[in-house]
Amino acid sequence: MGSGIFTGLRLAGASLLWAGMVASTVAPALAEPVTSEDMILFPAGEFWMGREPGKGLKDEIPRHKVYLDGFWLDRFEVTGGDFEDYLKANPDEHPTITGWWGREPRPDMVDKPVIGLTWQRCRNFCRWQGKRLPTEAEWERAAAGLEGRTYPWGEAPPTPERANFGKCCFIQKGEVLHEVGTLKSGQTPEGVHDLAGNIAEWVYDWYDKAYYSTGDDTNPRGPDSGAYHVVRGGAWNSLPDYMRTSRRYGYDDAKDFYGIGCRCARSASQNP
């Protein structure tokens, strides 16, 4: 599938409870605990989510105040090297759609984001690490900050120095990707990298284009049911508008698209 996915998805859908997010289905072993150097802590508090009319699409409106408990978020997207460790601990799991020599990532893919992960595989990987997928609100809080940044780095428009985007049309076995953390000027002031471009990222929530009008404003976790989960952040083949921190869309959970991967989160009560 080409870059068209990032030029107009508006998908809605049908069911999953938050409790299912923390129930393990696949982890025969836990990874070694991470350190605080691998994650950024976002303290509890309120922030403004979404956009004002005229500045965002219909599914980003209304702009509304959201309260979140404190949480940790990975500084980097899950890499080929990270997923290799998962494969070693889980012999029944298999590599993703490109970038591998058998069960080992190609040397040039070790520090690039792993691609071709379905929502379920991202969820399972994060569980194996003792983490979870971030909620959509947590992802936007990290990307937009308390000041409501238009882009993760601020208000300046996307450039190749800030984000890996706008490339057409083939993954070229992963060669179009950057190693995570390469574009220093694209990181957030808090130190989270690649929240715009390189690969898009699955988050926990089901997608509902009208959720902002009806959903919770305290630790929102999306609708109780849906057909598609939310994808955030845009990818290497996305248009510039997908770099915005409030941009949201849904995608078929079962697809292992060449532009989608993930990063993991953890509640602040669980120290990394």
Protein backbone atom coordinates (compact mmCIF):
# COMPACT_ATOMS: atom_id res chain seq x y z
CA MET A 1 0.00 0.00 0.00
CA GLY A 2 1.37 3.43 -0.90
CA SER A 3 1.26 6.87 0.67
CA GLY A 4 -2.45 7.31 -0.05
CA ILE A 5 -3.25 5.94 3.39
CA PHE A 6 -1.97 9.18 4.89
CA THR A 7 -3.99 11.49 2.61
CA GLY A 8 -7.52 10.80 3.73
CA LEU A 9 -8.41 8.03 6.16
CA ARG A 10 -11.60 8.64 8.08
CA LEU A 11 -12.53 5.33 9.58
CA ALA A 12 -14.79 4.52 12.47
CA GLY A 13 -15.61 1.45 14.31
CA ALA A 14 -16.58 -1.47 17.19
CA SER A 15 -14.97 -3.09 21.05
CA LEU A 16 -12.27 -3.44 23.60
CA LEU A 17 -12.05 -2.65 27.32
CA TRP A 18 -9.11 -0.95 29.00
CA ALA A 19 -8.73 -3.98 31.22
CA GLY A 20 -7.82 -5.99 28.13
CA MET A 21 -4.84 -3.72 27.68
CA VAL A 22 -3.12 -4.97 30.80
CA ALA A 23 -4.11 -8.63 30.60
CA SER A 24 -1.22 -10.62 29.18
CA THR A 25 -1.73 -13.11 26.37
CA VAL A 26 1.69 -13.71 25.08
CA ALA A 27 4.60 -13.03 27.40
CA PRO A 28 6.48 -16.14 28.38
CA ALA A 29 9.22 -13.96 29.86
CA LEU A 30 9.71 -10.33 30.85
CA ALA A 31 12.44 -8.13 29.45
CA GLU A 32 15.00 -6.55 31.73
CA PRO A 33 13.67 -3.41 33.43
CA VAL A 34 14.36 -0.17 31.57
CA THR A 35 15.98 2.87 33.17
CA SER A 36 14.73 6.42 33.29
CA GLU A 37 17.25 7.22 30.54
CA ASP A 38 15.03 5.26 28.14
CA MET A 39 11.78 7.02 29.06
CA ILE A 40 10.51 10.51 29.78
CA LEU A 41 8.21 11.21 32.72
CA PHE A 42 5.14 13.38 32.12
CA PRO A 43 3.68 14.53 35.44
CA ALA A 44 -0.03 14.40 36.20
CA GLY A 45 -2.04 17.43 35.14
CA GLU A 46 -4.22 19.03 32.49
CA PHE A 47 -3.48 19.95 28.90
CA TRP A 48 -5.45 21.13 25.88
CA MET A 49 -6.20 18.35 23.38
CA GLY A 50 -7.39 18.81 19.80
CA ARG A 51 -7.62 21.96 17.68
CA GLU A 52 -9.88 24.96 17.24
CA PRO A 53 -12.31 25.15 14.31
CA GLY A 54 -10.48 26.30 11.21
CA LYS A 55 -7.14 24.97 12.48
CA GLY A 56 -7.88 21.26 12.49
CA LEU A 57 -10.05 18.61 10.86
CA LYS A 58 -13.49 17.66 12.15
CA ASP A 59 -12.21 14.70 14.14
CA GLU A 60 -9.76 17.00 16.02
CA ILE A 61 -12.58 19.27 17.23
CA PRO A 62 -13.53 20.51 19.77
CA ARG A 63 -10.35 21.54 21.53
CA HIS A 64 -10.88 20.42 25.10
CA LYS A 65 -9.07 20.24 28.40
CA VAL A 66 -7.97 16.76 29.48
CA TYR A 67 -6.59 15.57 32.80
CA LEU A 68 -4.01 12.75 32.75
CA ASP A 69 -2.36 10.84 35.54
CA GLY A 70 1.41 10.86 35.32
CA PHE A 71 3.01 8.51 32.78
CA TRP A 72 6.33 7.54 31.25
CA LEU A 73 6.84 7.41 27.48
CA ASP A 74 9.68 5.83 25.52
CA ARG A 75 12.08 8.39 24.11
CA PHE A 76 12.45 6.35 20.91
CA GLU A 77 10.32 4.20 18.65
CA VAL A 78 10.77 0.43 18.96
CA THR A 79 13.78 -0.55 16.85
CA GLY A 80 14.88 -3.64 14.97
CA GLY A 81 17.31 -4.37 17.80
CA ASP A 82 14.53 -4.11 20.38
CA PHE A 83 12.37 -6.51 18.41
CA GLU A 84 15.27 -8.94 17.98
CA ASP A 85 15.40 -9.26 21.79
CA TYR A 86 11.67 -9.98 21.78
CA LEU A 87 12.10 -12.68 19.14
CA LYS A 88 14.87 -14.33 21.15
CA ALA A 89 12.62 -14.52 24.21
CA ASN A 90 9.59 -15.61 22.19
CA PRO A 91 10.60 -18.31 19.69
CA ASP A 92 7.04 -18.71 18.37
CA GLU A 93 7.00 -15.08 17.21
CA HIS A 94 8.28 -14.14 13.75
CA PRO A 95 10.14 -11.17 12.22
CA THR A 96 8.29 -8.35 10.48
CA ILE A 97 7.83 -7.69 6.79
CA THR A 98 11.26 -6.36 5.84
CA GLY A 99 14.72 -5.61 7.21
CA TRP A 100 15.71 -9.05 8.53
CA TRP A 101 18.33 -11.74 7.93
CA GLY A 102 16.46 -14.69 9.34
CA ARG A 103 15.56 -13.68 12.90
CA GLU A 104 18.23 -10.97 13.14
CA PRO A 105 17.81 -7.42 11.83
CA ARG A 106 20.11 -6.40 9.03
CA PRO A 107 22.99 -4.33 10.46
CA ASP A 108 21.54 -1.15 8.92
CA MET A 109 18.14 -1.81 10.56
CA VAL A 110 19.24 -2.45 14.15
CA ASP A 111 18.73 1.19 15.19
CA LYS A 112 15.92 2.02 12.78
CA PRO A 113 12.27 1.67 13.80
CA VAL A 114 10.83 -1.76 13.24
CA ILE A 115 8.00 -1.59 10.69
CA GLY A 116 5.12 -3.81 9.72
CA LEU A 117 3.72 -4.31 13.21
CA THR A 118 0.01 -4.82 13.62
CA TRP A 119 -1.67 -3.16 16.59
CA GLN A 120 -1.76 -6.49 18.41
CA ARG A 121 1.94 -7.14 17.92
CA CYS A 122 2.78 -3.68 19.24
CA ARG A 123 0.58 -4.32 22.26
CA ASN A 124 2.22 -7.68 22.88
CA PHE A 125 5.73 -6.27 22.56
CA CYS A 126 4.99 -3.52 25.07
CA ARG A 127 3.50 -6.04 27.49
CA TRP A 128 6.61 -8.17 27.20
CA GLN A 129 8.64 -5.14 28.27
CA GLY A 130 6.36 -4.66 31.27
CA LYS A 131 4.83 -1.61 29.59
CA ARG A 132 1.74 -0.84 27.53
CA LEU A 133 0.66 1.16 24.50
CA PRO A 134 0.15 4.86 25.26
CA THR A 135 -3.36 6.19 25.06
CA GLU A 136 -4.13 8.69 22.33
CA ALA A 137 -4.29 11.48 24.93
CA GLU A 138 -0.92 10.50 26.41
CA TRP A 139 0.63 10.49 22.95
CA GLU A 140 -0.73 13.97 22.18
CA ARG A 141 0.31 15.30 25.60
CA ALA A 142 3.88 14.19 24.86
CA ALA A 143 3.83 15.57 21.31
CA ALA A 144 2.05 18.89 21.94
CA GLY A 145 3.26 19.70 25.45
CA LEU A 146 1.42 21.97 27.84
CA GLU A 147 1.84 24.86 25.40
CA GLY A 148 -0.12 23.09 22.65
CA ARG A 149 2.64 22.87 20.05
CA THR A 150 1.48 22.44 16.45
CA TYR A 151 4.43 20.12 15.82
CA PRO A 152 6.48 18.15 18.34
CA TRP A 153 9.38 20.63 18.05
CA GLY A 154 7.23 23.81 18.07
CA GLU A 155 5.51 26.00 15.47
CA ALA A 156 8.01 25.96 12.60
CA PRO A 157 6.81 23.90 9.62
CA PRO A 158 8.23 20.43 8.91
CA THR A 159 11.56 20.25 7.11
CA PRO A 160 13.87 17.32 6.31
CA GLU A 161 16.02 18.40 9.26
CA ARG A 162 13.07 17.98 11.65
CA ALA A 163 11.21 14.95 10.31
CA ASN A 164 11.52 12.10 7.85
CA PHE A 165 8.39 12.54 5.67
CA GLY A 166 7.10 13.13 2.16
CA LYS A 167 9.06 10.34 0.46
CA CYS A 168 7.46 8.36 -2.31
CA CYS A 169 6.66 5.61 -2.76
CA PHE A 170 8.56 2.50 -1.65
CA ILE A 171 10.18 1.46 1.63
CA GLN A 172 13.29 0.25 -0.26
CA LYS A 173 13.87 -2.53 2.28
CA GLY A 174 13.96 0.07 5.03
CA GLU A 175 16.51 2.38 3.43
CA VAL A 176 14.10 5.34 3.51
CA LEU A 177 14.01 5.20 7.31
CA HIS A 178 16.30 7.11 9.65
CA GLU A 179 17.91 5.65 12.74
CA VAL A 180 15.85 6.70 15.74
CA GLY A 181 16.95 9.98 17.31
CA THR A 182 18.89 11.07 14.21
CA LEU A 183 16.97 14.31 13.65
CA LYS A 184 17.82 16.18 16.83
CA SER A 185 15.95 19.34 15.82
CA GLY A 186 12.73 17.32 15.54
CA GLN A 187 12.65 16.11 19.14
CA THR A 188 10.29 17.60 21.71
CA PRO A 189 11.64 20.01 24.33
CA GLU A 190 11.23 17.15 26.82
CA GLY A 191 13.45 14.86 24.75
CA VAL A 192 11.06 12.51 22.92
CA HIS A 193 12.24 11.76 19.38
CA ASP A 194 10.46 11.07 16.07
CA LEU A 195 6.88 11.81 17.14
CA ALA A 196 6.45 13.20 13.63
CA GLY A 197 7.56 11.20 10.62
CA ASN A 198 9.87 8.20 10.17
CA ILE A 199 7.07 5.81 11.11
CA ALA A 200 3.54 6.36 12.37
CA GLU A 201 2.66 4.80 15.72
CA TRP A 202 -0.20 2.71 17.03
CA VAL A 203 -1.83 3.95 20.23
CA TYR A 204 -4.27 2.14 22.49
CA ASP A 205 -7.59 3.78 21.58
CA TRP A 206 -10.26 2.72 19.16
CA TYR A 207 -10.88 5.38 16.52
CA ASP A 208 -14.09 7.43 16.61
CA LYS A 209 -14.21 10.65 14.62
CA ALA A 210 -16.75 12.14 17.06
CA TYR A 211 -15.11 10.98 20.31
CA TYR A 212 -13.89 14.42 21.36
CA SER A 213 -17.51 15.60 21.63
CA THR A 214 -18.67 12.71 23.80
CA GLY A 215 -15.64 11.12 25.48
CA ASP A 216 -14.12 11.40 28.94
CA ASP A 217 -11.95 14.35 29.91
CA THR A 218 -10.15 12.48 32.70
CA ASN A 219 -7.67 9.80 31.58
CA PRO A 220 -9.57 9.19 28.32
CA ARG A 221 -9.03 5.76 26.77
CA GLY A 222 -11.17 6.11 23.68
CA PRO A 223 -14.54 4.52 22.96
CA ASP A 224 -15.37 1.10 24.37
CA SER A 225 -15.59 -0.43 20.92
CA GLY A 226 -14.53 0.14 17.36
CA ALA A 227 -13.39 -1.38 14.09
CA TYR A 228 -10.06 0.44 13.85
CA HIS A 229 -7.42 1.65 16.28
CA VAL A 230 -5.86 5.10 16.19
CA VAL A 231 -2.58 5.81 14.43
CA ARG A 232 -0.58 8.93 15.28
CA GLY A 233 2.46 10.80 14.04
CA GLY A 234 2.72 10.31 10.29
CA ALA A 235 5.40 8.32 8.48
CA TRP A 236 8.21 8.53 5.95
CA ASN A 237 5.66 8.75 3.12
CA SER A 238 3.20 11.14 4.83
CA LEU A 239 2.19 14.61 3.72
CA PRO A 240 3.27 17.52 5.95
CA ASP A 241 -0.17 17.88 7.57
CA TYR A 242 0.25 14.48 9.22
CA MET A 243 3.18 15.87 11.21
CA ARG A 244 0.79 17.97 13.34
CA THR A 245 0.47 16.86 16.96
CA SER A 246 -3.34 16.75 16.88
CA ARG A 247 -3.65 14.85 13.58
CA ARG A 248 -5.45 11.54 14.05
CA TYR A 249 -6.82 8.70 11.95
CA GLY A 250 -7.82 5.07 12.21
CA TYR A 251 -6.42 2.05 10.40
CA ASP A 252 -7.19 -1.64 10.11
CA ASP A 253 -5.68 -3.30 13.21
CA ALA A 254 -4.71 -6.43 11.33
CA LYS A 255 -2.66 -4.69 8.66
CA ASP A 256 1.14 -4.74 8.85
CA PHE A 257 1.58 -1.53 6.87
CA TYR A 258 5.12 -0.48 5.89
CA GLY A 259 4.81 2.83 7.70
CA ILE A 260 3.45 1.80 11.11
CA GLY A 261 5.29 0.76 14.27
CA CYS A 262 5.08 1.77 17.90
CA ARG A 263 6.59 3.09 21.11
CA CYS A 264 5.59 2.05 24.63
CA ALA A 265 4.37 3.79 27.77
CA ARG A 266 4.08 3.04 31.47
CA SER A 267 2.04 4.57 34.27
CA ALA A 268 4.02 6.86 36.57
CA SER A 269 3.23 4.57 39.50
CA GLN A 270 5.45 1.97 37.79
CA ASN A 271 8.95 3.39 37.94
CA PRO A 272 11.06 2.44 34.89
